[in-house]
N, C-alpha and C. Protein backbone atom coordinates (compact mmCIF):
# COMPACT_ATOMS: atom_id res chain seq x y z
N GLN A 1 10.41 15.29 7.20
CA GLN A 1 9.16 14.69 7.61
C GLN A 1 8.27 14.40 6.40
N VAL A 2 7.57 13.30 6.47
CA VAL A 2 6.63 12.91 5.42
C VAL A 2 5.28 12.67 6.07
N GLN A 3 4.26 13.27 5.51
CA GLN A 3 2.89 12.99 5.95
C GLN A 3 2.20 12.19 4.85
N LEU A 4 1.53 11.13 5.27
CA LEU A 4 0.87 10.22 4.33
C LEU A 4 -0.62 10.16 4.62
N VAL A 5 -1.42 10.19 3.57
CA VAL A 5 -2.86 10.09 3.71
C VAL A 5 -3.38 9.05 2.71
N GLU A 6 -4.03 8.01 3.24
CA GLU A 6 -4.62 6.99 2.38
C GLU A 6 -6.07 7.35 2.08
N SER A 7 -6.54 6.89 0.94
CA SER A 7 -7.94 7.05 0.57
C SER A 7 -8.31 5.94 -0.40
N GLY A 8 -9.61 5.79 -0.63
CA GLY A 8 -10.08 4.84 -1.64
C GLY A 8 -10.65 3.55 -1.09
N GLY A 9 -10.61 3.38 0.22
CA GLY A 9 -11.19 2.17 0.79
C GLY A 9 -12.71 2.20 0.71
N GLY A 10 -13.31 1.07 1.05
CA GLY A 10 -14.76 0.99 1.03
C GLY A 10 -15.25 -0.43 1.09
N LEU A 11 -16.52 -0.60 0.80
CA LEU A 11 -17.17 -1.91 0.81
C LEU A 11 -17.37 -2.36 -0.63
N VAL A 12 -16.95 -3.58 -0.92
CA VAL A 12 -17.07 -4.10 -2.28
C VAL A 12 -17.41 -5.58 -2.20
N GLN A 13 -18.09 -6.08 -3.19
CA GLN A 13 -18.40 -7.51 -3.24
C GLN A 13 -17.19 -8.30 -3.72
N ALA A 14 -17.15 -9.56 -3.36
CA ALA A 14 -16.07 -10.43 -3.81
C ALA A 14 -16.01 -10.42 -5.34
N GLY A 15 -14.80 -10.34 -5.85
CA GLY A 15 -14.59 -10.25 -7.28
C GLY A 15 -14.49 -8.82 -7.80
N GLY A 16 -14.82 -7.87 -6.94
CA GLY A 16 -14.78 -6.47 -7.33
C GLY A 16 -13.40 -5.86 -7.22
N SER A 17 -13.33 -4.55 -7.46
CA SER A 17 -12.06 -3.84 -7.47
C SER A 17 -12.14 -2.56 -6.66
N LEU A 18 -10.99 -2.16 -6.15
CA LEU A 18 -10.83 -0.87 -5.50
C LEU A 18 -9.44 -0.35 -5.84
N ARG A 19 -9.30 0.97 -5.84
CA ARG A 19 -7.97 1.56 -5.99
C ARG A 19 -7.69 2.44 -4.79
N LEU A 20 -6.67 2.09 -4.05
CA LEU A 20 -6.24 2.87 -2.91
C LEU A 20 -5.19 3.89 -3.34
N SER A 21 -5.21 5.04 -2.70
CA SER A 21 -4.22 6.08 -2.97
C SER A 21 -3.47 6.41 -1.69
N CYS A 22 -2.22 6.73 -1.84
CA CYS A 22 -1.38 7.18 -0.73
C CYS A 22 -0.72 8.48 -1.16
N ALA A 23 -1.21 9.58 -0.65
CA ALA A 23 -0.70 10.89 -1.03
C ALA A 23 0.29 11.37 0.02
N ALA A 24 1.43 11.85 -0.46
CA ALA A 24 2.48 12.31 0.44
C ALA A 24 2.62 13.82 0.40
N SER A 25 2.93 14.39 1.53
CA SER A 25 3.27 15.81 1.60
C SER A 25 4.47 15.95 2.52
N GLY A 26 5.15 17.05 2.41
CA GLY A 26 6.33 17.28 3.24
C GLY A 26 7.62 17.04 2.49
N ARG A 27 7.63 16.03 1.64
CA ARG A 27 8.76 15.79 0.77
C ARG A 27 8.32 14.80 -0.29
N THR A 28 9.13 14.63 -1.29
CA THR A 28 8.76 13.68 -2.35
C THR A 28 9.16 12.26 -1.96
N PHE A 29 8.66 11.33 -2.73
CA PHE A 29 8.97 9.93 -2.49
C PHE A 29 10.32 9.52 -3.07
N SER A 30 11.03 10.44 -3.68
CA SER A 30 12.27 10.09 -4.35
C SER A 30 13.21 9.34 -3.43
N ASN A 31 13.67 8.20 -3.92
CA ASN A 31 14.60 7.34 -3.19
C ASN A 31 14.02 6.76 -1.90
N TYR A 32 12.72 6.83 -1.74
CA TYR A 32 12.05 6.19 -0.62
C TYR A 32 11.34 4.93 -1.13
N ALA A 33 11.27 3.94 -0.28
CA ALA A 33 10.37 2.82 -0.53
C ALA A 33 9.00 3.20 0.02
N VAL A 34 7.96 2.82 -0.70
CA VAL A 34 6.60 3.01 -0.22
C VAL A 34 5.94 1.64 -0.18
N GLY A 35 5.45 1.30 0.96
CA GLY A 35 4.84 -0.01 1.13
C GLY A 35 3.38 0.10 1.51
N TRP A 36 2.64 -0.90 1.11
CA TRP A 36 1.26 -1.07 1.58
C TRP A 36 1.24 -2.28 2.52
N PHE A 37 0.62 -2.09 3.65
CA PHE A 37 0.44 -3.14 4.64
C PHE A 37 -1.04 -3.21 5.00
N ARG A 38 -1.44 -4.30 5.57
CA ARG A 38 -2.83 -4.41 6.00
C ARG A 38 -2.89 -5.15 7.34
N GLN A 39 -3.94 -4.85 8.06
CA GLN A 39 -4.14 -5.48 9.36
C GLN A 39 -5.61 -5.79 9.55
N ALA A 40 -5.89 -7.07 9.70
CA ALA A 40 -7.25 -7.52 9.97
C ALA A 40 -7.43 -7.64 11.48
N PRO A 41 -8.66 -7.62 11.97
CA PRO A 41 -8.89 -7.72 13.42
C PRO A 41 -8.27 -8.98 14.00
N GLY A 42 -7.51 -8.81 15.07
CA GLY A 42 -6.90 -9.96 15.74
C GLY A 42 -5.67 -10.51 15.06
N LYS A 43 -5.22 -9.86 14.00
CA LYS A 43 -4.05 -10.35 13.28
C LYS A 43 -2.95 -9.30 13.26
N GLU A 44 -1.74 -9.75 12.98
CA GLU A 44 -0.62 -8.83 12.88
C GLU A 44 -0.67 -8.09 11.54
N ARG A 45 -0.01 -6.94 11.54
CA ARG A 45 0.10 -6.19 10.30
C ARG A 45 0.96 -6.98 9.32
N GLU A 46 0.49 -7.09 8.07
CA GLU A 46 1.22 -7.89 7.10
C GLU A 46 1.52 -7.09 5.85
N PHE A 47 2.60 -7.47 5.21
CA PHE A 47 3.04 -6.84 3.98
C PHE A 47 2.10 -7.19 2.84
N VAL A 48 1.80 -6.19 2.01
CA VAL A 48 0.96 -6.40 0.83
C VAL A 48 1.76 -6.15 -0.44
N ALA A 49 2.35 -4.96 -0.56
CA ALA A 49 3.10 -4.60 -1.76
C ALA A 49 4.02 -3.44 -1.43
N ALA A 50 5.05 -3.27 -2.25
CA ALA A 50 5.97 -2.16 -2.08
C ALA A 50 6.51 -1.74 -3.43
N ILE A 51 6.86 -0.46 -3.52
CA ILE A 51 7.50 0.06 -4.71
C ILE A 51 8.72 0.85 -4.25
N THR A 52 9.83 0.59 -4.90
CA THR A 52 11.06 1.27 -4.54
C THR A 52 11.64 1.92 -5.77
N TRP A 53 12.35 2.99 -5.58
CA TRP A 53 13.11 3.58 -6.70
C TRP A 53 14.39 4.19 -6.18
N THR A 54 15.43 3.75 -6.78
CA THR A 54 16.76 4.20 -6.43
C THR A 54 17.53 4.42 -7.73
N TRP A 55 18.09 5.62 -7.87
CA TRP A 55 18.82 5.94 -9.09
C TRP A 55 17.98 5.65 -10.33
N ASN A 56 16.69 6.02 -10.24
CA ASN A 56 15.73 5.90 -11.34
C ASN A 56 15.38 4.47 -11.70
N VAL A 57 15.75 3.53 -10.88
CA VAL A 57 15.34 2.14 -11.08
C VAL A 57 14.14 1.86 -10.20
N ILE A 58 13.03 1.50 -10.83
CA ILE A 58 11.79 1.26 -10.10
C ILE A 58 11.57 -0.24 -9.99
N SER A 59 11.25 -0.67 -8.79
CA SER A 59 10.97 -2.09 -8.58
C SER A 59 9.70 -2.21 -7.75
N SER A 60 8.93 -3.24 -8.02
CA SER A 60 7.72 -3.49 -7.25
C SER A 60 7.74 -4.92 -6.72
N TYR A 61 7.13 -5.09 -5.58
CA TYR A 61 7.15 -6.38 -4.88
C TYR A 61 5.75 -6.64 -4.32
N TYR A 62 5.39 -7.92 -4.25
CA TYR A 62 4.06 -8.29 -3.79
C TYR A 62 4.12 -9.50 -2.87
N ALA A 63 3.20 -9.51 -1.92
CA ALA A 63 3.00 -10.71 -1.14
C ALA A 63 2.39 -11.79 -2.04
N ASP A 64 2.69 -13.03 -1.76
CA ASP A 64 2.17 -14.13 -2.58
C ASP A 64 0.65 -14.12 -2.62
N SER A 65 0.02 -13.71 -1.54
CA SER A 65 -1.44 -13.75 -1.45
C SER A 65 -2.13 -12.76 -2.38
N VAL A 66 -1.39 -11.75 -2.87
CA VAL A 66 -2.01 -10.74 -3.73
C VAL A 66 -1.39 -10.70 -5.12
N LYS A 67 -0.34 -11.46 -5.34
CA LYS A 67 0.35 -11.44 -6.62
C LYS A 67 -0.61 -11.82 -7.74
N GLY A 68 -0.60 -11.02 -8.79
CA GLY A 68 -1.49 -11.27 -9.91
C GLY A 68 -2.84 -10.58 -9.78
N ARG A 69 -3.16 -10.10 -8.59
CA ARG A 69 -4.44 -9.41 -8.39
C ARG A 69 -4.25 -7.93 -8.06
N PHE A 70 -3.18 -7.60 -7.37
CA PHE A 70 -2.92 -6.22 -6.96
C PHE A 70 -1.76 -5.66 -7.78
N THR A 71 -1.82 -4.35 -8.02
CA THR A 71 -0.74 -3.67 -8.73
C THR A 71 -0.42 -2.36 -8.01
N ILE A 72 0.85 -2.16 -7.72
CA ILE A 72 1.29 -0.92 -7.09
C ILE A 72 1.93 -0.05 -8.15
N SER A 73 1.66 1.25 -8.06
CA SER A 73 2.21 2.18 -9.05
C SER A 73 2.37 3.55 -8.39
N ARG A 74 3.02 4.46 -9.10
CA ARG A 74 3.21 5.80 -8.56
C ARG A 74 2.96 6.85 -9.63
N ASP A 75 2.62 8.03 -9.16
CA ASP A 75 2.47 9.21 -10.02
C ASP A 75 3.35 10.29 -9.44
N ASN A 76 4.48 10.53 -10.09
CA ASN A 76 5.44 11.51 -9.56
C ASN A 76 4.85 12.90 -9.46
N ALA A 77 4.08 13.27 -10.48
CA ALA A 77 3.54 14.63 -10.51
C ALA A 77 2.62 14.88 -9.32
N LYS A 78 1.92 13.85 -8.88
CA LYS A 78 1.00 13.99 -7.76
C LYS A 78 1.59 13.52 -6.44
N ASN A 79 2.83 13.04 -6.49
CA ASN A 79 3.48 12.50 -5.29
C ASN A 79 2.57 11.50 -4.58
N THR A 80 2.04 10.60 -5.36
CA THR A 80 1.04 9.65 -4.88
C THR A 80 1.40 8.25 -5.35
N VAL A 81 1.17 7.29 -4.48
CA VAL A 81 1.32 5.88 -4.81
C VAL A 81 -0.05 5.23 -4.76
N TYR A 82 -0.31 4.35 -5.71
CA TYR A 82 -1.61 3.69 -5.81
C TYR A 82 -1.48 2.19 -5.59
N LEU A 83 -2.57 1.61 -5.12
CA LEU A 83 -2.67 0.16 -5.04
C LEU A 83 -3.98 -0.23 -5.71
N GLN A 84 -3.87 -0.75 -6.92
CA GLN A 84 -5.05 -1.24 -7.65
C GLN A 84 -5.31 -2.67 -7.20
N MET A 85 -6.50 -2.90 -6.69
CA MET A 85 -6.84 -4.21 -6.16
C MET A 85 -8.00 -4.79 -6.98
N ASN A 86 -7.73 -5.87 -7.65
CA ASN A 86 -8.74 -6.55 -8.47
C ASN A 86 -9.03 -7.93 -7.91
N SER A 87 -10.13 -8.51 -8.34
CA SER A 87 -10.51 -9.86 -7.91
C SER A 87 -10.45 -9.99 -6.39
N LEU A 88 -11.04 -9.03 -5.73
CA LEU A 88 -10.97 -9.01 -4.26
C LEU A 88 -11.68 -10.19 -3.65
N LYS A 89 -11.14 -10.63 -2.53
CA LYS A 89 -11.68 -11.78 -1.80
C LYS A 89 -12.04 -11.34 -0.38
N PRO A 90 -12.95 -12.04 0.27
CA PRO A 90 -13.28 -11.67 1.65
C PRO A 90 -12.05 -11.64 2.56
N GLU A 91 -11.07 -12.48 2.31
CA GLU A 91 -9.87 -12.49 3.15
C GLU A 91 -8.99 -11.27 2.93
N ASP A 92 -9.32 -10.44 1.97
CA ASP A 92 -8.59 -9.17 1.78
C ASP A 92 -9.12 -8.08 2.72
N THR A 93 -10.19 -8.37 3.43
CA THR A 93 -10.76 -7.40 4.35
C THR A 93 -9.77 -7.04 5.44
N ALA A 94 -9.51 -5.74 5.59
CA ALA A 94 -8.53 -5.26 6.56
C ALA A 94 -8.47 -3.74 6.49
N VAL A 95 -7.76 -3.16 7.43
CA VAL A 95 -7.36 -1.76 7.32
C VAL A 95 -6.04 -1.74 6.56
N TYR A 96 -5.98 -0.94 5.51
CA TYR A 96 -4.80 -0.86 4.67
C TYR A 96 -4.03 0.43 5.00
N TYR A 97 -2.73 0.27 5.21
CA TYR A 97 -1.87 1.38 5.57
C TYR A 97 -0.78 1.54 4.50
N CYS A 98 -0.43 2.78 4.21
CA CYS A 98 0.78 2.98 3.43
C CYS A 98 1.87 3.52 4.35
N ALA A 99 3.09 3.23 3.97
CA ALA A 99 4.24 3.62 4.77
C ALA A 99 5.38 4.00 3.84
N ALA A 100 6.25 4.87 4.31
CA ALA A 100 7.36 5.33 3.48
C ALA A 100 8.61 5.49 4.33
N ASP A 101 9.74 5.17 3.74
CA ASP A 101 11.04 5.39 4.40
C ASP A 101 12.12 4.84 3.48
N ARG A 102 13.35 5.06 3.88
CA ARG A 102 14.48 4.49 3.15
C ARG A 102 14.65 3.04 3.60
N ALA A 103 13.73 2.21 3.21
CA ALA A 103 13.67 0.84 3.71
C ALA A 103 14.44 -0.10 2.79
N SER A 104 15.32 -0.89 3.37
CA SER A 104 16.01 -1.92 2.58
C SER A 104 15.18 -3.21 2.60
N ARG A 105 14.64 -3.52 3.76
CA ARG A 105 13.74 -4.66 3.86
C ARG A 105 12.32 -4.14 3.70
N TYR A 106 11.91 -3.96 2.45
CA TYR A 106 10.65 -3.29 2.11
C TYR A 106 9.44 -4.03 2.67
N TYR A 107 9.60 -5.32 2.98
CA TYR A 107 8.49 -6.16 3.42
C TYR A 107 8.26 -6.07 4.93
N SER A 108 9.16 -5.42 5.65
CA SER A 108 9.08 -5.36 7.11
C SER A 108 8.52 -4.03 7.58
N PRO A 109 7.43 -4.04 8.34
CA PRO A 109 6.89 -2.78 8.85
C PRO A 109 7.87 -2.05 9.77
N ASP A 110 8.80 -2.77 10.37
CA ASP A 110 9.78 -2.14 11.26
C ASP A 110 10.72 -1.20 10.51
N GLU A 111 10.79 -1.33 9.19
CA GLU A 111 11.70 -0.50 8.40
C GLU A 111 11.15 0.89 8.12
N TYR A 112 9.87 1.11 8.42
CA TYR A 112 9.21 2.34 8.02
C TYR A 112 8.89 3.21 9.24
N ASN A 113 9.26 4.47 9.14
CA ASN A 113 8.95 5.42 10.21
C ASN A 113 7.75 6.30 9.91
N TYR A 114 7.35 6.37 8.67
CA TYR A 114 6.24 7.26 8.28
C TYR A 114 5.06 6.40 7.85
N TRP A 115 3.94 6.64 8.50
CA TRP A 115 2.73 5.85 8.28
C TRP A 115 1.52 6.75 8.12
N GLY A 116 0.59 6.30 7.27
CA GLY A 116 -0.71 6.94 7.23
C GLY A 116 -1.61 6.36 8.30
N ARG A 117 -2.83 6.88 8.37
CA ARG A 117 -3.77 6.42 9.39
C ARG A 117 -4.58 5.21 8.96
N GLY A 118 -4.52 4.87 7.70
CA GLY A 118 -5.19 3.67 7.22
C GLY A 118 -6.54 3.96 6.59
N THR A 119 -6.97 3.03 5.75
CA THR A 119 -8.28 3.10 5.12
C THR A 119 -8.88 1.69 5.14
N GLN A 120 -10.15 1.61 5.49
CA GLN A 120 -10.80 0.31 5.66
C GLN A 120 -11.23 -0.25 4.31
N VAL A 121 -10.91 -1.51 4.09
CA VAL A 121 -11.38 -2.25 2.93
C VAL A 121 -12.19 -3.43 3.43
N THR A 122 -13.42 -3.53 2.99
CA THR A 122 -14.29 -4.63 3.39
C THR A 122 -14.81 -5.32 2.15
N VAL A 123 -14.57 -6.62 2.06
CA VAL A 123 -15.01 -7.40 0.90
C VAL A 123 -16.06 -8.38 1.37
N SER A 124 -17.26 -8.25 0.85
CA SER A 124 -18.35 -9.13 1.24
C SER A 124 -18.42 -10.34 0.32
N SER A 125 -18.86 -11.45 0.88
CA SER A 125 -18.94 -12.69 0.09
C SER A 125 -20.30 -12.84 -0.60
């Protein structure tokens, strides 16, 4: 079992930055994919970014809408994955969720069985 807790959300003006954290307990992230997803009111949950590591090979992936602005990273010692969000836009407003599992299709929420409760990000114009 993996328990995930997100933190770091808040209210920021357009152009600002936030760093989200996803802390895991219960087991390490080793060989798990960790994804960030977001869901705005009235919209489906969408892929934001993912980080995978298998046999010590680390790979990161981004949705086109956040590429160049968001960066996903991990801290093994803290068993935590981060999402650094820069140049935020009002359309980035959503509840952000982290998820973990042995996901091959890292971009699909259906691949993940472990989810946090989410953290609200609001970007004002």
